[in-house]
């Protein structure tokens, strides 16, 4: 899948930032400190830009053991320019690692905990978007209402419309004999559904709590404010699809895209070089940092 381009050093930058990235600041600040919440959230994109400067020199430096000088630092030298990982590539690996870390944190931690001397309702498995906006597993579930899978009329209409859109996209690709046209059609359909869900997420159902109390005899589960149930629920049948779309888009697909654009311009490693019949001109030598 990576065509042999995702070598040791790019993988090392990604893995270290995946394991430790946004948690680093937790060694110095409490978990409910605004600075910690900023770093352990979407602010990581800005922090990664600073971290990438350090990683740039770590990944592109080498120690010349035959050089002399007053200290070990005198032996450190940058590799040749054409052999270096570019700053923007390292930034993408740092940012992707941090976002993948948050992907696990959200589903691997409760949203809030009671932490003794720290107090109650300490944000734990959350990503802060500013003010009181947090993305957590509880928020994802709050975009649904349970028991879910209900056959509400708006949900039926949206499902039929989505299915027709997929068929039209498939027909477009089949008629033009171009897979990319099917992909474009699919993206248009998914994008249109997402916009509809996004709009209806901010529109409350009038007297929604009483409506669902009557429908389920008062026995239903909603992770948000029952007095402010969004119109979205009628379109999803109570499934938490909208929250899952947001979660996967930000913390799964976005890191994958960053990894792809980070390594796609790198040369192949020697063991994965293109066969002679596929080469155009002289084969580009693999850079030492990928060996």
C-alpha atoms as a PDB file:
ATOM      1  CA  UNK A   1       0.000   0.000   0.000  1.00  0.00           C
ATOM      2  CA  UNK A   2       2.866   2.406   0.770  1.00  0.00           C
ATOM      3  CA  UNK A   3       4.923   1.079  -2.162  1.00  0.00           C
ATOM      4  CA  UNK A   4       7.876   0.610   0.157  1.00  0.00           C
ATOM      5  CA  UNK A   5       8.150   4.341   0.873  1.00  0.00           C
ATOM      6  CA  UNK A   6       7.129   4.403   4.541  1.00  0.00           C
ATOM      7  CA  UNK A   7      10.549   3.612   5.986  1.00  0.00           C
ATOM      8  CA  UNK A   8      12.015   3.458   9.468  1.00  0.00           C
ATOM      9  CA  UNK A   9      12.407   7.166  10.226  1.00  0.00           C
ATOM     10  CA  UNK A  10       8.978   8.322   8.975  1.00  0.00           C
ATOM     11  CA  UNK A  11       7.419   5.432  10.909  1.00  0.00           C
ATOM     12  CA  UNK A  12       9.421   6.329  14.026  1.00  0.00           C
ATOM     13  CA  UNK A  13       8.183   9.946  13.985  1.00  0.00           C
ATOM     14  CA  UNK A  14       4.588   8.795  13.560  1.00  0.00           C
ATOM     15  CA  UNK A  15       4.744   6.066  16.227  1.00  0.00           C
ATOM     16  CA  UNK A  16       6.383   8.222  18.927  1.00  0.00           C
ATOM     17  CA  UNK A  17       3.832  10.995  18.394  1.00  0.00           C
ATOM     18  CA  UNK A  18       1.061   8.415  18.325  1.00  0.00           C
ATOM     19  CA  UNK A  19       2.115   6.959  21.671  1.00  0.00           C
ATOM     20  CA  UNK A  20       3.177  10.105  23.535  1.00  0.00           C
ATOM     21  CA  UNK A  21       2.333  13.166  21.426  1.00  0.00           C
ATOM     22  CA  UNK A  22      -0.572  15.062  23.016  1.00  0.00           C
ATOM     23  CA  UNK A  23       0.088  13.478  26.438  1.00  0.00           C
ATOM     24  CA  UNK A  24       3.474  15.195  26.870  1.00  0.00           C
ATOM     25  CA  UNK A  25       2.018  18.321  28.440  1.00  0.00           C
ATOM     26  CA  UNK A  26       0.193  16.167  31.018  1.00  0.00           C
ATOM     27  CA  UNK A  27       3.507  15.724  32.866  1.00  0.00           C
ATOM     28  CA  UNK A  28       3.435  19.418  33.778  1.00  0.00           C
ATOM     29  CA  UNK A  29      -0.221  20.459  33.924  1.00  0.00           C
ATOM     30  CA  UNK A  30      -3.430  19.063  35.391  1.00  0.00           C
ATOM     31  CA  UNK A  31      -5.859  17.419  33.040  1.00  0.00           C
ATOM     32  CA  UNK A  32      -8.478  20.137  33.388  1.00  0.00           C
ATOM     33  CA  UNK A  33      -6.041  22.973  32.666  1.00  0.00           C
ATOM     34  CA  UNK A  34      -7.053  24.914  29.505  1.00  0.00           C
ATOM     35  CA  UNK A  35      -3.506  24.651  28.121  1.00  0.00           C
ATOM     36  CA  UNK A  36      -3.537  20.873  28.532  1.00  0.00           C
ATOM     37  CA  UNK A  37      -6.969  20.660  26.922  1.00  0.00           C
ATOM     38  CA  UNK A  38      -5.703  22.787  24.021  1.00  0.00           C
ATOM     39  CA  UNK A  39      -2.657  20.585  23.397  1.00  0.00           C
ATOM     40  CA  UNK A  40      -4.622  17.367  23.955  1.00  0.00           C
ATOM     41  CA  UNK A  41      -7.126  18.467  21.339  1.00  0.00           C
ATOM     42  CA  UNK A  42      -7.311  20.257  18.005  1.00  0.00           C
ATOM     43  CA  UNK A  43      -4.531  22.554  19.227  1.00  0.00           C
ATOM     44  CA  UNK A  44      -2.190  19.645  18.548  1.00  0.00           C
ATOM     45  CA  UNK A  45      -2.026  20.783  14.917  1.00  0.00           C
ATOM     46  CA  UNK A  46      -0.259  23.958  16.099  1.00  0.00           C
ATOM     47  CA  UNK A  47       1.908  22.145  18.657  1.00  0.00           C
ATOM     48  CA  UNK A  48       2.938  19.614  15.983  1.00  0.00           C
ATOM     49  CA  UNK A  49       4.279  22.489  13.880  1.00  0.00           C
ATOM     50  CA  UNK A  50       6.730  23.310  16.692  1.00  0.00           C
ATOM     51  CA  UNK A  51       7.501  19.663  17.449  1.00  0.00           C
ATOM     52  CA  UNK A  52       8.314  19.092  13.782  1.00  0.00           C
ATOM     53  CA  UNK A  53      11.221  21.565  14.024  1.00  0.00           C
ATOM     54  CA  UNK A  54      12.918  19.361  16.629  1.00  0.00           C
ATOM     55  CA  UNK A  55      12.090  16.195  14.692  1.00  0.00           C
ATOM     56  CA  UNK A  56      13.496  17.743  11.515  1.00  0.00           C
ATOM     57  CA  UNK A  57      16.965  17.986  13.059  1.00  0.00           C
ATOM     58  CA  UNK A  58      16.715  14.644  14.829  1.00  0.00           C
ATOM     59  CA  UNK A  59      15.761  12.801  11.654  1.00  0.00           C
ATOM     60  CA  UNK A  60      18.103  14.640   9.306  1.00  0.00           C
ATOM     61  CA  UNK A  61      21.176  14.855  11.526  1.00  0.00           C
ATOM     62  CA  UNK A  62      23.998  12.339  11.713  1.00  0.00           C
ATOM     63  CA  UNK A  63      27.052  11.888  13.933  1.00  0.00           C
ATOM     64  CA  UNK A  64      30.389  11.902  12.152  1.00  0.00           C
ATOM     65  CA  UNK A  65      32.571   9.815  14.438  1.00  0.00           C
ATOM     66  CA  UNK A  66      35.760  10.842  12.647  1.00  0.00           C
ATOM     67  CA  UNK A  67      35.132  14.569  13.106  1.00  0.00           C
ATOM     68  CA  UNK A  68      36.886  16.283  15.999  1.00  0.00           C
ATOM     69  CA  UNK A  69      35.698  19.106  18.208  1.00  0.00           C
ATOM     70  CA  UNK A  70      35.303  20.285  21.791  1.00  0.00           C
ATOM     71  CA  UNK A  71      32.078  18.309  22.353  1.00  0.00           C
ATOM     72  CA  UNK A  72      29.905  15.618  20.858  1.00  0.00           C
ATOM     73  CA  UNK A  73      27.801  18.317  19.243  1.00  0.00           C
ATOM     74  CA  UNK A  74      30.777  19.177  17.057  1.00  0.00           C
ATOM     75  CA  UNK A  75      30.343  15.793  15.413  1.00  0.00           C
ATOM     76  CA  UNK A  76      26.712  16.340  14.483  1.00  0.00           C
ATOM     77  CA  UNK A  77      26.143  17.184  10.844  1.00  0.00           C
ATOM     78  CA  UNK A  78      23.060  17.421   8.631  1.00  0.00           C
ATOM     79  CA  UNK A  79      22.735  14.857   5.854  1.00  0.00           C
ATOM     80  CA  UNK A  80      22.815  16.034   2.254  1.00  0.00           C
ATOM     81  CA  UNK A  81      19.840  18.215   1.307  1.00  0.00           C
ATOM     82  CA  UNK A  82      18.457  15.772  -1.258  1.00  0.00           C
ATOM     83  CA  UNK A  83      18.487  13.002   1.359  1.00  0.00           C
ATOM     84  CA  UNK A  84      16.532  14.883   4.016  1.00  0.00           C
ATOM     85  CA  UNK A  85      12.970  14.439   5.104  1.00  0.00           C
ATOM     86  CA  UNK A  86      11.287  17.753   4.359  1.00  0.00           C
ATOM     87  CA  UNK A  87       9.865  19.807   7.201  1.00  0.00           C
ATOM     88  CA  UNK A  88       6.286  19.617   5.885  1.00  0.00           C
ATOM     89  CA  UNK A  89       6.542  15.821   5.626  1.00  0.00           C
ATOM     90  CA  UNK A  90       7.714  15.544   9.236  1.00  0.00           C
ATOM     91  CA  UNK A  91       4.915  17.894  10.283  1.00  0.00           C
ATOM     92  CA  UNK A  92       2.333  15.621   8.652  1.00  0.00           C
ATOM     93  CA  UNK A  93       3.775  12.578  10.450  1.00  0.00           C
ATOM     94  CA  UNK A  94       3.709  14.445  13.799  1.00  0.00           C
ATOM     95  CA  UNK A  95       0.153  15.705  13.307  1.00  0.00           C
ATOM     96  CA  UNK A  96      -1.108  12.318  12.107  1.00  0.00           C
ATOM     97  CA  UNK A  97       0.456  10.562  15.100  1.00  0.00           C
ATOM     98  CA  UNK A  98      -1.244  12.912  17.554  1.00  0.00           C
ATOM     99  CA  UNK A  99      -4.642  12.576  15.899  1.00  0.00           C
ATOM    100  CA  UNK A 100      -4.324   8.769  15.905  1.00  0.00           C
ATOM    101  CA  UNK A 101      -3.541   9.008  19.623  1.00  0.00           C
ATOM    102  CA  UNK A 102      -6.786  10.921  20.185  1.00  0.00           C
ATOM    103  CA  UNK A 103      -8.651   8.297  18.126  1.00  0.00           C
ATOM    104  CA  UNK A 104      -7.805   5.735  20.814  1.00  0.00           C
ATOM    105  CA  UNK A 105      -8.285   8.104  23.755  1.00  0.00           C
ATOM    106  CA  UNK A 106     -11.870   8.874  22.803  1.00  0.00           C
ATOM    107  CA  UNK A 107     -13.010   5.254  22.747  1.00  0.00           C
ATOM    108  CA  UNK A 108     -10.563   3.991  25.400  1.00  0.00           C
ATOM    109  CA  UNK A 109     -11.389   6.432  28.206  1.00  0.00           C
ATOM    110  CA  UNK A 110     -14.539   7.617  29.909  1.00  0.00           C
ATOM    111  CA  UNK A 111     -15.391  11.180  28.963  1.00  0.00           C
ATOM    112  CA  UNK A 112     -15.147  12.420  32.588  1.00  0.00           C
ATOM    113  CA  UNK A 113     -13.734  10.937  35.775  1.00  0.00           C
ATOM    114  CA  UNK A 114     -13.675  11.632  39.518  1.00  0.00           C
ATOM    115  CA  UNK A 115     -10.019  12.100  40.402  1.00  0.00           C
ATOM    116  CA  UNK A 116      -9.831  12.666  44.151  1.00  0.00           C
ATOM    117  CA  UNK A 117      -7.868  15.837  44.838  1.00  0.00           C
ATOM    118  CA  UNK A 118      -8.345  17.015  41.245  1.00  0.00           C
ATOM    119  CA  UNK A 119     -12.077  17.177  41.796  1.00  0.00           C
ATOM    120  CA  UNK A 120     -15.073  15.740  40.007  1.00  0.00           C
ATOM    121  CA  UNK A 121     -16.010  15.662  36.341  1.00  0.00           C
ATOM    122  CA  UNK A 122     -12.406  15.941  35.168  1.00  0.00           C
ATOM    123  CA  UNK A 123     -12.326  15.779  31.326  1.00  0.00           C
ATOM    124  CA  UNK A 124     -10.464  12.602  30.404  1.00  0.00           C
ATOM    125  CA  UNK A 125     -11.436  10.964  27.136  1.00  0.00           C
ATOM    126  CA  UNK A 126     -12.329  14.222  25.403  1.00  0.00           C
ATOM    127  CA  UNK A 127     -11.050  16.471  22.631  1.00  0.00           C
ATOM    128  CA  UNK A 128     -11.569  20.151  23.321  1.00  0.00           C
ATOM    129  CA  UNK A 129     -12.808  22.460  20.570  1.00  0.00           C
ATOM    130  CA  UNK A 130     -12.953  25.568  22.773  1.00  0.00           C
ATOM    131  CA  UNK A 131     -15.371  26.940  25.363  1.00  0.00           C
ATOM    132  CA  UNK A 132     -17.640  24.047  26.442  1.00  0.00           C
ATOM    133  CA  UNK A 133     -17.394  22.115  23.166  1.00  0.00           C
ATOM    134  CA  UNK A 134     -15.939  18.653  23.744  1.00  0.00           C
ATOM    135  CA  UNK A 135     -15.893  15.636  21.462  1.00  0.00           C
ATOM    136  CA  UNK A 136     -16.088  12.404  23.436  1.00  0.00           C
ATOM    137  CA  UNK A 137     -17.705   9.000  23.267  1.00  0.00           C
ATOM    138  CA  UNK A 138     -20.659  10.456  25.158  1.00  0.00           C
ATOM    139  CA  UNK A 139     -21.011  13.184  22.511  1.00  0.00           C
ATOM    140  CA  UNK A 140     -20.866  10.627  19.706  1.00  0.00           C
ATOM    141  CA  UNK A 141     -23.640   8.644  21.382  1.00  0.00           C
ATOM    142  CA  UNK A 142     -25.622  11.847  21.970  1.00  0.00           C
ATOM    143  CA  UNK A 143     -26.156  12.120  18.206  1.00  0.00           C
ATOM    144  CA  UNK A 144     -28.387   9.068  18.540  1.00  0.00           C
ATOM    145  CA  UNK A 145     -31.330   8.049  20.739  1.00  0.00           C
ATOM    146  CA  UNK A 146     -31.816   4.528  22.020  1.00  0.00           C
ATOM    147  CA  UNK A 147     -33.421   2.131  21.296  1.00  0.00           C
ATOM    148  CA  UNK A 148     -32.294   3.070  17.806  1.00  0.00           C
ATOM    149  CA  UNK A 149     -33.139   1.700  14.365  1.00  0.00           C
ATOM    150  CA  UNK A 150     -36.590   3.275  14.404  1.00  0.00           C
ATOM    151  CA  UNK A 151     -38.501   3.589  11.131  1.00  0.00           C
ATOM    152  CA  UNK A 152     -39.289   7.295  11.305  1.00  0.00           C
ATOM    153  CA  UNK A 153     -40.674   8.655   8.036  1.00  0.00           C
ATOM    154  CA  UNK A 154     -37.836  11.222   7.559  1.00  0.00           C
ATOM    155  CA  UNK A 155     -35.294   8.417   8.106  1.00  0.00           C
ATOM    156  CA  UNK A 156     -37.002   6.264   5.478  1.00  0.00           C
ATOM    157  CA  UNK A 157     -37.014   9.141   2.981  1.00  0.00           C
ATOM    158  CA  UNK A 158     -33.320   9.885   3.606  1.00  0.00           C
ATOM    159  CA  UNK A 159     -32.390   6.203   3.243  1.00  0.00           C
ATOM    160  CA  UNK A 160     -34.256   5.938  -0.061  1.00  0.00           C
ATOM    161  CA  UNK A 161     -32.645   9.157  -1.320  1.00  0.00           C
ATOM    162  CA  UNK A 162     -29.181   7.937  -0.294  1.00  0.00           C
ATOM    163  CA  UNK A 163     -29.731   4.604  -2.060  1.00  0.00           C
ATOM    164  CA  UNK A 164     -30.886   6.347  -5.252  1.00  0.00           C
ATOM    165  CA  UNK A 165     -27.827   8.606  -5.098  1.00  0.00           C
ATOM    166  CA  UNK A 166     -25.500   5.600  -4.841  1.00  0.00           C
ATOM    167  CA  UNK A 167     -27.206   3.951  -7.831  1.00  0.00           C
ATOM    168  CA  UNK A 168     -26.884   7.142  -9.875  1.00  0.00           C
ATOM    169  CA  UNK A 169     -23.188   7.396  -8.999  1.00  0.00           C
ATOM    170  CA  UNK A 170     -22.701   3.759  -9.995  1.00  0.00           C
ATOM    171  CA  UNK A 171     -24.553   4.342 -13.276  1.00  0.00           C
ATOM    172  CA  UNK A 172     -22.383   7.396 -13.987  1.00  0.00           C
ATOM    173  CA  UNK A 173     -19.217   5.397 -13.517  1.00  0.00           C
ATOM    174  CA  UNK A 174     -20.555   2.459 -15.548  1.00  0.00           C
ATOM    175  CA  UNK A 175     -21.744   4.653 -18.422  1.00  0.00           C
ATOM    176  CA  UNK A 176     -18.480   6.590 -18.693  1.00  0.00           C
ATOM    177  CA  UNK A 177     -16.274   3.565 -17.923  1.00  0.00           C
ATOM    178  CA  UNK A 178     -14.414   5.682 -15.383  1.00  0.00           C
ATOM    179  CA  UNK A 179     -14.099   4.570 -11.781  1.00  0.00           C
ATOM    180  CA  UNK A 180     -13.215   8.139 -10.790  1.00  0.00           C
ATOM    181  CA  UNK A 181     -16.660   9.330 -11.905  1.00  0.00           C
ATOM    182  CA  UNK A 182     -18.249   6.778  -9.575  1.00  0.00           C
ATOM    183  CA  UNK A 183     -15.970   7.985  -6.783  1.00  0.00           C
ATOM    184  CA  UNK A 184     -16.912  11.623  -7.422  1.00  0.00           C
ATOM    185  CA  UNK A 185     -20.591  10.732  -7.454  1.00  0.00           C
ATOM    186  CA  UNK A 186     -20.218   8.792  -4.216  1.00  0.00           C
ATOM    187  CA  UNK A 187     -18.433  11.715  -2.546  1.00  0.00           C
ATOM    188  CA  UNK A 188     -21.171  14.097  -3.681  1.00  0.00           C
ATOM    189  CA  UNK A 189     -23.895  11.860  -2.242  1.00  0.00           C
ATOM    190  CA  UNK A 190     -22.093  11.317   1.078  1.00  0.00           C
ATOM    191  CA  UNK A 191     -21.297  15.032   1.291  1.00  0.00           C
ATOM    192  CA  UNK A 192     -24.934  15.994   0.663  1.00  0.00           C
ATOM    193  CA  UNK A 193     -26.155  13.591   3.365  1.00  0.00           C
ATOM    194  CA  UNK A 194     -23.546  14.920   5.793  1.00  0.00           C
ATOM    195  CA  UNK A 195     -24.636  18.538   5.204  1.00  0.00           C
ATOM    196  CA  UNK A 196     -28.280  17.589   5.799  1.00  0.00           C
ATOM    197  CA  UNK A 197     -27.368  15.816   9.045  1.00  0.00           C
ATOM    198  CA  UNK A 198     -25.183  18.737  10.131  1.00  0.00           C
ATOM    199  CA  UNK A 199     -27.979  21.272   9.613  1.00  0.00           C
ATOM    200  CA  UNK A 200     -30.580  19.181  11.410  1.00  0.00           C
ATOM    201  CA  UNK A 201     -28.199  18.609  14.341  1.00  0.00           C
ATOM    202  CA  UNK A 202     -28.705  22.272  15.285  1.00  0.00           C
ATOM    203  CA  UNK A 203     -32.508  22.224  14.924  1.00  0.00           C
ATOM    204  CA  UNK A 204     -34.294  20.989  18.073  1.00  0.00           C
ATOM    205  CA  UNK A 205     -37.468  18.921  17.866  1.00  0.00           C
ATOM    206  CA  UNK A 206     -40.346  20.954  19.357  1.00  0.00           C
ATOM    207  CA  UNK A 207     -41.422  19.220  22.547  1.00  0.00           C
ATOM    208  CA  UNK A 208     -39.084  16.338  21.617  1.00  0.00           C
ATOM    209  CA  UNK A 209     -38.753  14.954  25.136  1.00  0.00           C
ATOM    210  CA  UNK A 210     -42.498  14.466  25.488  1.00  0.00           C
ATOM    211  CA  UNK A 211     -42.711  12.957  21.986  1.00  0.00           C
ATOM    212  CA  UNK A 212     -40.143  10.245  22.758  1.00  0.00           C
ATOM    213  CA  UNK A 213     -41.516   9.708  26.256  1.00  0.00           C
ATOM    214  CA  UNK A 214     -44.869   8.909  24.672  1.00  0.00           C
ATOM    215  CA  UNK A 215     -43.319   6.694  21.998  1.00  0.00           C
ATOM    216  CA  UNK A 216     -41.186   4.638  24.404  1.00  0.00           C
ATOM    217  CA  UNK A 217     -43.359   4.926  27.528  1.00  0.00           C
ATOM    218  CA  UNK A 218     -40.679   7.059  29.128  1.00  0.00           C
ATOM    219  CA  UNK A 219     -38.078   4.299  28.772  1.00  0.00           C
ATOM    220  CA  UNK A 220     -35.439   5.597  26.354  1.00  0.00           C
ATOM    221  CA  UNK A 221     -31.769   6.554  26.628  1.00  0.00           C
ATOM    222  CA  UNK A 222     -30.390   9.839  25.374  1.00  0.00           C
ATOM    223  CA  UNK A 223     -26.842  10.968  26.189  1.00  0.00           C
ATOM    224  CA  UNK A 224     -27.520  14.655  25.564  1.00  0.00           C
ATOM    225  CA  UNK A 225     -29.998  17.109  27.048  1.00  0.00           C
ATOM    226  CA  UNK A 226     -33.486  15.519  26.802  1.00  0.00           C
ATOM    227  CA  UNK A 227     -34.988  19.002  26.627  1.00  0.00           C
ATOM    228  CA  UNK A 228     -32.995  19.726  23.459  1.00  0.00           C
ATOM    229  CA  UNK A 229     -33.228  16.614  21.258  1.00  0.00           C
ATOM    230  CA  UNK A 230     -32.174  17.505  17.679  1.00  0.00           C
ATOM    231  CA  UNK A 231     -34.211  16.925  14.510  1.00  0.00           C
ATOM    232  CA  UNK A 232     -31.273  14.782  13.422  1.00  0.00           C
ATOM    233  CA  UNK A 233     -32.752  11.858  15.378  1.00  0.00           C
ATOM    234  CA  UNK A 234     -35.682  11.601  12.980  1.00  0.00           C
ATOM    235  CA  UNK A 235     -33.300  11.334  10.016  1.00  0.00           C
ATOM    236  CA  UNK A 236     -31.067   8.634  11.503  1.00  0.00           C
ATOM    237  CA  UNK A 237     -33.715   6.534  13.203  1.00  0.00           C
ATOM    238  CA  UNK A 238     -31.867   7.141  16.462  1.00  0.00           C
ATOM    239  CA  UNK A 239     -28.537   5.769  15.190  1.00  0.00           C
ATOM    240  CA  UNK A 240     -25.440   7.750  16.181  1.00  0.00           C
ATOM    241  CA  UNK A 241     -24.252   7.829  12.560  1.00  0.00           C
ATOM    242  CA  UNK A 242     -23.558  11.560  12.490  1.00  0.00           C
ATOM    243  CA  UNK A 243     -21.277  11.425  15.528  1.00  0.00           C
ATOM    244  CA  UNK A 244     -19.446   8.409  14.108  1.00  0.00           C
ATOM    245  CA  UNK A 245     -18.929  10.253  10.795  1.00  0.00           C
ATOM    246  CA  UNK A 246     -17.380  13.223  12.612  1.00  0.00           C
ATOM    247  CA  UNK A 247     -15.218  10.972  14.775  1.00  0.00           C
ATOM    248  CA  UNK A 248     -13.876   8.830  11.933  1.00  0.00           C
ATOM    249  CA  UNK A 249     -13.371  11.815   9.647  1.00  0.00           C
ATOM    250  CA  UNK A 250     -11.272  13.779  12.156  1.00  0.00           C
ATOM    251  CA  UNK A 251      -9.328  11.008  13.864  1.00  0.00           C
ATOM    252  CA  UNK A 252      -9.126   8.143  11.355  1.00  0.00           C
ATOM    253  CA  UNK A 253      -9.360   9.331   7.757  1.00  0.00           C
ATOM    254  CA  UNK A 254      -7.608  12.687   8.309  1.00  0.00           C
ATOM    255  CA  UNK A 255      -4.478  10.989   9.787  1.00  0.00           C
ATOM    256  CA  UNK A 256      -4.483   8.471   6.933  1.00  0.00           C
ATOM    257  CA  UNK A 257      -4.543  11.304   4.397  1.00  0.00           C
ATOM    258  CA  UNK A 258      -1.713  13.079   6.216  1.00  0.00           C
ATOM    259  CA  UNK A 259       0.374   9.904   6.199  1.00  0.00           C
ATOM    260  CA  UNK A 260      -0.310   9.398   2.497  1.00  0.00           C
ATOM    261  CA  UNK A 261       0.700  12.914   1.487  1.00  0.00           C
ATOM    262  CA  UNK A 262       3.693  12.687   3.794  1.00  0.00           C
ATOM    263  CA  UNK A 263       5.235   9.580   2.227  1.00  0.00           C
ATOM    264  CA  UNK A 264       3.962   9.636  -1.363  1.00  0.00           C
ATOM    265  CA  UNK A 265       6.889  11.734  -2.660  1.00  0.00           C
ATOM    266  CA  UNK A 266       9.532   9.704  -0.840  1.00  0.00           C
ATOM    267  CA  UNK A 267      11.753   7.299  -2.811  1.00  0.00           C
ATOM    268  CA  UNK A 268      11.264   3.576  -2.407  1.00  0.00           C
ATOM    269  CA  UNK A 269      13.433   1.535  -0.080  1.00  0.00           C
ATOM    270  CA  UNK A 270      16.000  -0.716  -1.796  1.00  0.00           C
ATOM    271  CA  UNK A 271      14.030  -3.917  -1.095  1.00  0.00           C
ATOM    272  CA  UNK A 272      10.914  -2.429  -2.703  1.00  0.00           C
ATOM    273  CA  UNK A 273      12.431  -0.730  -5.732  1.00  0.00           C
ATOM    274  CA  UNK A 274      10.426  -0.912  -8.946  1.00  0.00           C
ATOM    275  CA  UNK A 275      11.240  -3.796 -11.315  1.00  0.00           C
ATOM    276  CA  UNK A 276      13.520  -2.896 -14.227  1.00  0.00           C
ATOM    277  CA  UNK A 277      10.643  -3.155 -16.727  1.00  0.00           C
ATOM    278  CA  UNK A 278       8.674  -0.505 -14.821  1.00  0.00           C
ATOM    279  CA  UNK A 279      11.459   1.994 -14.436  1.00  0.00           C
ATOM    280  CA  UNK A 280      11.612   5.108 -16.549  1.00  0.00           C
ATOM    281  CA  UNK A 281      15.225   6.093 -16.980  1.00  0.00           C
ATOM    282  CA  UNK A 282      17.736   5.564 -14.227  1.00  0.00           C
ATOM    283  CA  UNK A 283      16.394   4.307 -10.932  1.00  0.00           C
ATOM    284  CA  UNK A 284      16.313   6.930  -8.194  1.00  0.00           C
ATOM    285  CA  UNK A 285      18.576   5.832  -5.315  1.00  0.00           C
ATOM    286  CA  UNK A 286      16.887   5.282  -1.979  1.00  0.00           C
ATOM    287  CA  UNK A 287      17.705   7.842   0.660  1.00  0.00           C
ATOM    288  CA  UNK A 288      19.735   6.624   3.663  1.00  0.00           C
ATOM    289  CA  UNK A 289      16.968   7.564   6.128  1.00  0.00           C
ATOM    290  CA  UNK A 290      14.714   4.921   4.565  1.00  0.00           C
ATOM    291  CA  UNK A 291      17.166   2.052   4.863  1.00  0.00           C
END
